[in-house]
Amino acid sequence: MADHFDDARLDDPEALATADASLRWLAGSGARVRLEAGGAQEAIAGLSGDGSPRAIVAAGADARLLRAVLEPWCPVPFVAWPGSGLPGWAGALDLVIVLAPGGGDAETASAVREAVRRGCSLITACPARSVLAEHAEGRHSSLLPTQTDDTLAVAVGMLQALHAIGVGPELDADAVASVLDAVAVDCSPHHDISSNPAKDIALFLADAAPLVWGGSVLAARAARRVAEAIRRTTGRPALAADAGHLLPVLDQASTRDLFADPFADAFADAEHGSSRPGLLLLDDGTEDPTVREHRGALTAAAATHDIRHQTIAATEGPGTARYAALLTTGRYAATYLGVGLGRTSPDQT
């Protein structure tokens, strides 16, 4: 049966109740940041900042999130290593950092064991009573005990730890949490479509094949996660890519017939499982000339081919806070899109 989006569901308490678990999880994002930052304070206070490591290796499935935040700032070489083990050169002069709020997987465990075996300095963020925490025990190891399975919240604690040892920027966890609290208020299910940015984006995406773009490193990562949330929540395709990959998709879109019946066309698209592209831009306020050029090229191509586009903007606070706002607003939109389609939202991760 073809999907049918009903915008009335977005303000219907019974329909919204089907996504209650996901909406509550999103609303608690700020609280989880505060919880993780508070839980890591004692461990961070015990870290030593004597001397910078030769290099930093971020291991595990979420290594690229830390790289996206740290790479522009970090004073030493930084490598994201999401696979098993560690790079062959990693040794006692290097620091290995691991995010594993869910306890990690076999590949993450192998990286932790290898770090201990080689005598690397190691900071692991994982549950205190977990197999991974046991693997991480060693002379040069520090554990940041996690309280939740929220990768973003745990990453904030890790970034504060890296600042404490002099290899990361200063980050105010409360500033990140406050931004997330504001997103939760703006995107609350109690706000109707006219005043809710996430519901408005869901309405925009209802009859579109989403193309999601973020210009900066962090915005691009948020775009990938938002596209993933749309796919998981709705079962529909969604593509996140850089401008060079999205422009050909926009350029190949057929020109809309001004005299066509939009309702008949929308019905035909649904029947054949196809939709015209819809361009969703994630703007974190980065004013790099390349970012501006790519944004302009995308919006110009969309205008040329009569393709609608919409922007999620988050330009206040530190970079991590802006990333968090873009990601969380996009996840709210994906959840509301699922509500409109009559889908039960999966648990957030």
Protein backbone atom coordinates (compact mmCIF):
# COMPACT_ATOMS: atom_id res chain seq x y z
CA MET A 1 0.00 0.00 0.00
CA ALA A 2 1.35 3.45 -0.89
CA ASP A 3 2.20 5.87 1.91
CA HIS A 4 -0.32 8.61 2.53
CA PHE A 5 0.80 11.68 4.48
CA ASP A 6 -1.94 13.32 6.52
CA ASP A 7 -0.86 16.64 8.01
CA ALA A 8 -3.80 16.53 10.44
CA ARG A 9 -1.95 13.77 12.30
CA LEU A 10 0.79 16.22 13.28
CA ASP A 11 -1.59 17.99 15.67
CA ASP A 12 -3.63 14.93 16.63
CA PRO A 13 -2.83 13.76 20.21
CA GLU A 14 -3.67 10.14 19.40
CA ALA A 15 -1.39 10.09 16.35
CA LEU A 16 1.39 11.84 18.25
CA ALA A 17 1.09 9.26 21.02
CA THR A 18 2.46 6.63 18.62
CA ALA A 19 5.76 8.54 18.64
CA ASP A 20 5.70 9.38 22.35
CA ALA A 21 8.86 7.41 23.19
CA SER A 22 10.89 9.09 20.44
CA LEU A 23 9.58 12.57 21.24
CA ARG A 24 10.33 12.15 24.94
CA TRP A 25 13.83 10.91 24.11
CA LEU A 26 14.47 13.98 21.96
CA ALA A 27 13.07 16.31 24.60
CA GLY A 28 15.53 14.87 27.14
CA SER A 29 18.63 15.62 25.03
CA GLY A 30 19.68 18.62 27.11
CA ALA A 31 19.16 16.77 30.37
CA ARG A 32 21.36 13.90 29.16
CA VAL A 33 24.16 16.31 28.28
CA ARG A 34 24.07 17.71 31.82
CA LEU A 35 23.91 14.21 33.31
CA GLU A 36 26.92 12.97 31.34
CA ALA A 37 28.97 16.09 32.01
CA GLY A 38 28.24 15.86 35.73
CA GLY A 39 28.99 12.13 35.86
CA ALA A 40 32.39 12.62 34.20
CA GLN A 41 33.56 15.54 36.37
CA GLU A 42 35.42 13.44 38.94
CA ALA A 43 37.22 11.41 36.30
CA ILE A 44 38.12 14.54 34.31
CA ALA A 45 39.54 16.19 37.45
CA GLY A 46 41.94 13.26 37.78
CA LEU A 47 43.36 13.57 34.26
CA SER A 48 46.88 14.81 33.78
CA GLY A 49 47.68 17.47 31.21
CA ASP A 50 51.46 16.99 31.34
CA GLY A 51 52.71 17.07 27.76
CA SER A 52 50.82 16.62 24.51
CA PRO A 53 50.62 13.20 22.87
CA ARG A 54 52.40 12.63 19.56
CA ALA A 55 49.02 11.90 17.93
CA ILE A 56 45.43 11.11 18.86
CA VAL A 57 43.50 8.11 17.56
CA ALA A 58 39.71 8.17 17.99
CA ALA A 59 38.60 4.55 17.82
CA GLY A 60 35.13 3.03 17.58
CA ALA A 61 31.94 3.56 15.60
CA ASP A 62 31.59 7.26 16.53
CA ALA A 63 35.21 8.24 15.96
CA ARG A 64 34.28 10.59 13.13
CA LEU A 65 32.10 12.76 15.39
CA LEU A 66 35.11 13.58 17.56
CA ARG A 67 37.24 14.18 14.47
CA ALA A 68 34.65 16.60 13.07
CA VAL A 69 34.83 18.68 16.26
CA LEU A 70 38.55 18.42 17.00
CA GLU A 71 40.31 18.36 13.65
CA PRO A 72 40.20 22.15 13.06
CA TRP A 73 41.53 22.81 16.58
CA CYS A 74 43.69 19.88 17.72
CA PRO A 75 47.40 20.80 18.06
CA VAL A 76 48.60 17.26 17.17
CA PRO A 77 47.74 14.87 14.31
CA PHE A 78 44.28 13.37 14.75
CA VAL A 79 43.03 10.14 13.16
CA ALA A 80 39.54 8.63 13.21
CA TRP A 81 39.80 4.84 13.23
CA PRO A 82 36.30 3.28 13.15
CA GLY A 83 37.53 -0.22 12.24
CA SER A 84 39.02 -2.93 14.44
CA GLY A 85 42.40 -2.63 16.16
CA LEU A 86 44.59 0.45 15.83
CA PRO A 87 46.90 1.90 13.17
CA GLY A 88 50.22 0.08 13.06
CA TRP A 89 52.17 3.16 14.18
CA ALA A 90 50.11 3.82 17.36
CA GLY A 91 52.23 3.35 20.47
CA ALA A 92 53.18 4.62 23.90
CA LEU A 93 53.53 8.23 22.75
CA ASP A 94 49.96 8.39 21.44
CA LEU A 95 46.53 8.91 22.97
CA VAL A 96 43.58 6.66 22.08
CA ILE A 97 40.06 7.90 22.82
CA VAL A 98 36.95 5.74 22.62
CA LEU A 99 33.23 6.62 22.73
CA ALA A 100 31.16 3.57 23.60
CA PRO A 101 28.05 4.63 25.56
CA GLY A 102 26.35 1.35 24.72
CA GLY A 103 29.29 -0.76 25.87
CA GLY A 104 30.90 -1.06 22.43
CA ASP A 105 31.15 -3.87 19.94
CA ALA A 106 33.82 -6.42 19.04
CA GLU A 107 35.75 -3.95 16.89
CA THR A 108 35.77 -1.30 19.62
CA ALA A 109 36.87 -3.88 22.18
CA SER A 110 39.75 -4.94 19.95
CA ALA A 111 40.92 -1.30 19.68
CA VAL A 112 40.81 -0.89 23.47
CA ARG A 113 42.71 -4.13 24.09
CA GLU A 114 45.32 -3.13 21.52
CA ALA A 115 45.76 0.30 23.13
CA VAL A 116 46.39 -1.28 26.53
CA ARG A 117 48.77 -3.87 25.05
CA ARG A 118 50.84 -1.22 23.26
CA GLY A 119 51.00 1.08 26.28
CA CYS A 120 49.04 3.92 24.68
CA SER A 121 47.40 6.52 26.86
CA LEU A 122 43.70 5.66 26.78
CA ILE A 123 40.50 7.53 27.66
CA THR A 124 37.38 5.38 27.34
CA ALA A 125 33.82 6.64 27.77
CA CYS A 126 31.67 3.59 28.50
CA PRO A 127 29.49 2.10 31.26
CA ALA A 128 31.53 1.56 34.43
CA ARG A 129 30.36 -2.03 34.79
CA SER A 130 30.90 -3.36 31.30
CA VAL A 131 33.21 -5.76 29.53
CA LEU A 132 34.76 -2.83 27.68
CA ALA A 133 35.62 -1.12 30.98
CA GLU A 134 37.41 -4.30 32.04
CA HIS A 135 39.36 -4.38 28.78
CA ALA A 136 40.34 -0.73 29.33
CA GLU A 137 42.05 -1.31 32.68
CA GLY A 138 45.72 -0.37 32.56
CA ARG A 139 48.46 1.93 33.88
CA HIS A 140 47.80 4.65 31.34
CA SER A 141 44.03 4.29 31.14
CA SER A 142 41.25 6.59 32.31
CA LEU A 143 37.55 5.76 32.36
CA LEU A 144 34.74 8.29 31.89
CA PRO A 145 31.72 6.40 33.28
CA THR A 146 28.66 6.94 31.11
CA GLN A 147 25.16 7.36 32.49
CA THR A 148 23.17 7.05 29.23
CA ASP A 149 23.45 5.58 25.73
CA ASP A 150 23.29 9.02 24.07
CA THR A 151 26.42 9.36 21.89
CA LEU A 152 26.10 13.13 21.60
CA ALA A 153 25.88 13.64 25.37
CA VAL A 154 28.81 11.29 25.97
CA ALA A 155 30.84 13.11 23.31
CA VAL A 156 30.41 16.37 25.24
CA GLY A 157 31.97 14.74 28.31
CA MET A 158 34.86 13.39 26.22
CA LEU A 159 35.47 16.82 24.67
CA GLN A 160 35.65 18.35 28.14
CA ALA A 161 38.19 15.68 29.10
CA LEU A 162 40.31 16.50 26.05
CA HIS A 163 40.22 20.19 26.92
CA ALA A 164 41.40 19.32 30.44
CA ILE A 165 44.57 17.72 29.03
CA GLY A 166 45.17 20.55 26.57
CA VAL A 167 44.27 18.95 23.24
CA GLY A 168 40.69 20.18 22.76
CA PRO A 169 38.78 23.46 22.80
CA GLU A 170 36.93 24.66 25.87
CA LEU A 171 33.32 23.49 25.83
CA ASP A 172 30.53 24.60 28.13
CA ALA A 173 28.25 21.60 28.55
CA ASP A 174 25.49 23.79 29.94
CA ALA A 175 25.57 25.94 26.79
CA VAL A 176 25.05 22.83 24.65
CA ALA A 177 22.28 21.63 26.96
CA SER A 178 20.55 25.01 26.87
CA VAL A 179 20.51 25.02 23.08
CA LEU A 180 18.99 21.53 23.10
CA ASP A 181 16.39 22.64 25.65
CA ALA A 182 15.43 25.51 23.32
CA VAL A 183 15.07 23.07 20.39
CA ALA A 184 12.84 20.87 22.54
CA VAL A 185 10.58 23.84 23.32
CA ASP A 186 10.42 25.02 19.69
CA CYS A 187 9.74 21.51 18.33
CA SER A 188 7.37 20.38 21.07
CA PRO A 189 4.41 18.28 19.88
CA HIS A 190 2.20 20.80 21.71
CA HIS A 191 3.10 23.48 19.14
CA ASP A 192 1.04 23.28 15.98
CA ILE A 193 2.38 23.28 12.43
CA SER A 194 2.24 27.08 12.14
CA SER A 195 4.73 27.59 14.98
CA ASN A 196 6.74 24.34 14.97
CA PRO A 197 9.81 24.30 12.67
CA ALA A 198 10.16 20.50 12.78
CA LYS A 199 6.51 19.92 11.80
CA ASP A 200 6.94 22.48 9.00
CA ILE A 201 9.96 20.55 7.68
CA ALA A 202 8.02 17.28 7.92
CA LEU A 203 5.29 18.87 5.81
CA PHE A 204 7.94 19.99 3.29
CA LEU A 205 9.37 16.45 3.10
CA ALA A 206 5.99 14.74 2.86
CA ASP A 207 5.94 14.52 -0.94
CA ALA A 208 9.68 14.90 -1.62
CA ALA A 209 12.69 12.66 -2.03
CA PRO A 210 14.96 14.31 0.58
CA LEU A 211 18.40 15.55 -0.43
CA VAL A 212 20.17 16.76 2.71
CA TRP A 213 23.24 19.02 2.65
CA GLY A 214 25.46 20.59 5.28
CA GLY A 215 28.36 22.80 4.28
CA SER A 216 30.78 22.65 7.22
CA VAL A 217 32.32 19.44 8.53
CA LEU A 218 29.91 19.33 11.47
CA ALA A 219 26.86 20.32 9.42
CA ALA A 220 27.71 17.62 6.87
CA ARG A 221 27.84 15.03 9.63
CA ALA A 222 24.51 16.27 10.96
CA ALA A 223 23.09 15.96 7.43
CA ARG A 224 24.13 12.30 7.25
CA ARG A 225 22.53 11.56 10.60
CA VAL A 226 19.32 13.38 9.67
CA ALA A 227 19.07 11.41 6.41
CA GLU A 228 19.63 8.24 8.41
CA ALA A 229 16.82 9.23 10.80
CA ILE A 230 14.45 9.80 7.87
CA ARG A 231 15.27 6.39 6.41
CA ARG A 232 14.87 4.61 9.74
CA THR A 233 11.65 6.35 10.68
CA THR A 234 9.83 6.26 7.34
CA GLY A 235 11.48 3.54 5.26
CA ARG A 236 11.83 6.09 2.49
CA PRO A 237 15.09 6.88 0.66
CA ALA A 238 16.99 9.97 1.77
CA LEU A 239 20.39 11.08 0.51
CA ALA A 240 22.98 13.19 2.34
CA ALA A 241 26.03 14.17 0.33
CA ASP A 242 28.27 17.08 -0.60
CA ALA A 243 27.31 19.61 -3.26
CA GLY A 244 29.28 17.84 -5.98
CA HIS A 245 27.13 14.72 -5.59
CA LEU A 246 23.80 16.50 -5.12
CA LEU A 247 24.04 18.92 -8.05
CA PRO A 248 23.75 16.18 -10.72
CA VAL A 249 20.62 14.87 -8.99
CA LEU A 250 19.08 18.34 -9.05
CA ASP A 251 20.14 18.95 -12.65
CA GLN A 252 18.52 15.72 -13.81
CA ALA A 253 15.17 16.48 -12.19
CA SER A 254 12.45 16.97 -14.75
CA THR A 255 10.98 20.46 -15.14
CA ARG A 256 7.58 20.78 -13.52
CA ASP A 257 4.65 21.24 -15.94
CA LEU A 258 2.95 24.52 -15.03
CA PHE A 259 -0.40 23.21 -16.32
CA ALA A 260 -0.25 19.82 -14.61
CA ASP A 261 -2.63 18.88 -11.82
CA PRO A 262 -0.40 18.80 -8.69
CA PHE A 263 -2.74 16.48 -6.83
CA ALA A 264 -2.89 14.01 -9.72
CA ASP A 265 0.91 14.14 -10.07
CA ALA A 266 1.44 13.58 -6.37
CA PHE A 267 -0.89 10.58 -6.46
CA ALA A 268 0.91 9.17 -9.49
CA ASP A 269 4.31 9.61 -7.82
CA ALA A 270 3.08 7.80 -4.70
CA GLU A 271 1.68 4.94 -6.76
CA HIS A 272 5.00 4.47 -8.56
CA GLY A 273 7.14 5.03 -5.47
CA SER A 274 8.82 8.15 -6.87
CA SER A 275 8.88 11.80 -5.81
CA ARG A 276 10.57 14.95 -6.98
CA PRO A 277 13.65 15.92 -4.95
CA GLY A 278 13.34 18.27 -2.01
CA LEU A 279 16.52 20.03 -0.87
CA LEU A 280 17.03 20.35 2.89
CA LEU A 281 19.93 22.65 3.81
CA LEU A 282 21.59 22.52 7.24
CA ASP A 283 23.16 25.87 8.11
CA ASP A 284 25.39 26.18 11.19
CA GLY A 285 26.42 29.75 10.43
CA THR A 286 29.77 28.87 8.83
CA GLU A 287 30.69 31.67 6.43
CA ASP A 288 33.58 29.97 4.68
CA PRO A 289 33.68 31.11 1.01
CA THR A 290 33.52 27.52 -0.24
CA VAL A 291 30.45 26.81 1.88
CA ARG A 292 28.74 29.94 0.54
CA GLU A 293 29.63 28.99 -3.03
CA HIS A 294 28.24 25.46 -2.66
CA ARG A 295 25.08 26.71 -0.95
CA GLY A 296 24.53 29.20 -3.76
CA ALA A 297 25.08 26.56 -6.45
CA LEU A 298 22.58 24.21 -4.82
CA THR A 299 19.86 26.81 -4.34
CA ALA A 300 20.37 28.12 -7.88
CA ALA A 301 20.04 24.62 -9.33
CA ALA A 302 16.91 24.04 -7.24
CA ALA A 303 15.39 27.30 -8.51
CA THR A 304 16.24 26.46 -12.12
CA HIS A 305 14.45 23.12 -11.92
CA ASP A 306 11.58 24.35 -9.71
CA ILE A 307 12.68 22.20 -6.80
CA ARG A 308 11.63 23.36 -3.36
CA HIS A 309 14.23 23.85 -0.67
CA GLN A 310 14.14 24.59 3.04
CA THR A 311 16.76 25.38 5.67
CA ILE A 312 17.37 24.26 9.24
CA ALA A 313 19.50 27.01 10.79
CA ALA A 314 21.45 26.89 14.06
CA THR A 315 23.88 29.76 14.36
CA GLU A 316 24.09 30.39 18.11
CA GLY A 317 26.52 28.90 20.63
CA PRO A 318 29.68 26.82 20.21
CA GLY A 319 30.12 24.56 17.17
CA THR A 320 29.11 21.46 19.10
CA ALA A 321 25.90 23.18 20.23
CA ARG A 322 25.05 24.18 16.66
CA TYR A 323 25.68 20.62 15.47
CA ALA A 324 23.45 19.31 18.26
CA ALA A 325 20.66 21.74 17.34
CA LEU A 326 20.78 20.83 13.64
CA LEU A 327 20.79 17.11 14.39
CA THR A 328 18.01 17.23 16.97
CA THR A 329 15.74 19.47 14.88
CA GLY A 330 16.24 17.11 11.94
CA ARG A 331 15.40 14.12 14.12
CA TYR A 332 12.23 15.83 15.32
CA ALA A 333 11.29 16.45 11.68
CA ALA A 334 11.91 12.78 10.81
CA THR A 335 9.73 11.73 13.74
CA TYR A 336 6.88 14.02 12.68
CA LEU A 337 7.23 12.80 9.10
CA GLY A 338 6.70 9.28 10.40
CA VAL A 339 3.65 10.44 12.38
CA GLY A 340 2.16 12.01 9.27
CA LEU A 341 2.70 8.78 7.37
CA GLY A 342 1.13 6.69 10.12
CA ARG A 343 4.42 5.01 11.04
CA THR A 344 5.40 4.09 14.58
CA SER A 345 8.76 5.72 15.24
CA PRO A 346 11.65 3.45 16.25
CA ASP A 347 13.59 4.20 19.41
CA GLN A 348 16.19 6.92 18.96
CA THR A 349 19.89 6.18 19.29
